[in-house]
Amino acid sequence: MSEQMTQEQLEAVMGLIINAGNAKSDAMEAIQAAKKGDFQAAEEKLKTAEQGLVEAHHAQTGLLTAEASGNPMNVTLLAVHSQDHLMTAITFNDLAKEVVEVYQRLAE
């Protein structure tokens, strides 16, 4: 498969996309819960988002480890897309934490 990803690489890339996407969705739900004043739900969603990011990082680490071991992956649009999802989710999650905190302060 010189021009394509292996099945293992494809699974890792899809894991990145799915877990990062779920994390971003959970972070958005945390903001919506905080907006309604439900700070317990917001904190739970932020924790779930963080778990999704950890899972995405595991997938990314697997790809990086394979490359460091001499088994590089061909860069495909799907691989780039997965990295974009991860970085966007990380940034969005960081921002969501701040927004939830602002809503908490406003509620006090």
Protein backbone atom coordinates (compact mmCIF):
# COMPACT_ATOMS: atom_id res chain seq x y z
CA MET A 1 0.00 0.00 0.00
CA SER A 2 2.61 2.52 -0.99
CA GLU A 3 0.08 5.17 -2.04
CA GLN A 4 -2.52 4.51 0.65
CA MET A 5 -2.77 4.08 4.38
CA THR A 6 -2.67 0.68 6.00
CA GLN A 7 -5.78 -0.51 7.78
CA GLU A 8 -4.12 0.24 11.12
CA GLN A 9 -3.25 3.78 10.02
CA LEU A 10 -6.77 4.33 8.73
CA GLU A 11 -8.23 3.18 12.04
CA ALA A 12 -5.93 5.56 13.93
CA VAL A 13 -6.87 8.47 11.66
CA MET A 14 -10.57 7.71 12.04
CA GLY A 15 -10.06 7.47 15.82
CA LEU A 16 -8.58 10.94 15.74
CA ILE A 17 -11.51 12.34 13.77
CA ILE A 18 -14.22 10.64 15.84
CA ASN A 19 -12.75 11.33 19.27
CA ALA A 20 -11.76 14.90 18.47
CA GLY A 21 -15.19 15.57 16.98
CA ASN A 22 -16.90 14.13 20.04
CA ALA A 23 -14.69 16.23 22.31
CA LYS A 24 -15.58 19.40 20.43
CA SER A 25 -19.30 18.55 20.60
CA ASP A 26 -19.05 17.90 24.34
CA ALA A 27 -17.26 21.21 24.84
CA MET A 28 -20.04 23.00 22.97
CA GLU A 29 -22.63 21.23 25.12
CA ALA A 30 -20.71 22.40 28.21
CA ILE A 31 -21.04 26.01 27.05
CA GLN A 32 -24.76 25.55 26.38
CA ALA A 33 -25.27 24.02 29.85
CA ALA A 34 -23.38 26.88 31.50
CA LYS A 35 -25.43 29.37 29.53
CA LYS A 36 -28.53 27.84 31.12
CA GLY A 37 -26.91 27.96 34.57
CA ASP A 38 -26.41 24.18 34.84
CA PHE A 39 -22.78 24.25 35.94
CA GLN A 40 -22.73 20.64 37.12
CA ALA A 41 -23.70 19.45 33.63
CA ALA A 42 -21.16 21.86 32.13
CA GLU A 43 -18.36 20.41 34.26
CA GLU A 44 -19.40 16.86 33.36
CA LYS A 45 -19.35 17.72 29.65
CA LEU A 46 -15.91 19.33 30.00
CA LYS A 47 -14.62 16.13 31.65
CA THR A 48 -16.10 14.04 28.85
CA ALA A 49 -14.52 16.35 26.28
CA GLU A 50 -11.16 15.93 27.99
CA GLN A 51 -11.52 12.14 27.84
CA GLY A 52 -12.24 12.37 24.11
CA LEU A 53 -9.07 14.42 23.64
CA VAL A 54 -7.06 11.84 25.55
CA GLU A 55 -8.39 9.10 23.26
CA ALA A 56 -7.58 11.18 20.20
CA HIS A 57 -4.06 11.75 21.54
CA HIS A 58 -3.63 7.99 21.95
CA ALA A 59 -4.44 7.51 18.27
CA GLN A 60 -2.04 10.29 17.31
CA THR A 61 0.70 8.86 19.52
CA GLY A 62 0.34 5.50 17.81
CA LEU A 63 0.93 7.12 14.43
CA LEU A 64 3.91 9.11 15.71
CA THR A 65 5.44 6.05 17.35
CA ALA A 66 5.09 4.05 14.15
CA GLU A 67 6.77 6.80 12.16
CA ALA A 68 9.60 7.10 14.70
CA SER A 69 10.07 3.33 14.39
CA GLY A 70 10.65 3.62 10.65
CA ASN A 71 7.11 2.96 9.46
CA PRO A 72 6.02 6.34 8.05
CA MET A 73 2.53 7.03 6.81
CA ASN A 74 1.84 8.65 3.47
CA VAL A 75 0.30 12.03 4.08
CA THR A 76 -3.24 11.97 2.74
CA LEU A 77 -5.99 14.55 2.88
CA LEU A 78 -7.72 12.32 5.43
CA ALA A 79 -4.62 12.32 7.65
CA VAL A 80 -4.36 16.11 7.44
CA HIS A 81 -8.08 16.38 8.17
CA SER A 82 -7.66 14.27 11.30
CA GLN A 83 -4.91 16.53 12.61
CA ASP A 84 -7.05 19.57 11.88
CA HIS A 85 -9.91 18.03 13.87
CA LEU A 86 -7.62 17.38 16.82
CA MET A 87 -6.10 20.85 16.92
CA THR A 88 -9.50 22.51 16.52
CA ALA A 89 -10.96 20.36 19.31
CA ILE A 90 -8.08 21.18 21.65
CA THR A 91 -8.45 24.90 21.00
CA PHE A 92 -12.23 24.77 21.30
CA ASN A 93 -12.02 22.80 24.55
CA ASP A 94 -9.61 25.33 26.05
CA LEU A 95 -11.93 28.16 25.06
CA ALA A 96 -15.00 26.32 26.39
CA LYS A 97 -13.39 26.06 29.83
CA GLU A 98 -12.95 29.83 29.85
CA VAL A 99 -16.51 30.50 28.67
CA VAL A 100 -17.96 28.21 31.34
CA GLU A 101 -15.92 30.05 33.96
CA VAL A 102 -17.23 33.40 32.71
CA TYR A 103 -20.82 32.14 32.96
CA GLN A 104 -20.10 30.92 36.50
CA ARG A 105 -18.77 34.33 37.51
CA LEU A 106 -21.76 36.08 35.97
CA ALA A 107 -24.10 33.81 37.91
CA GLU A 108 -22.49 34.71 41.26
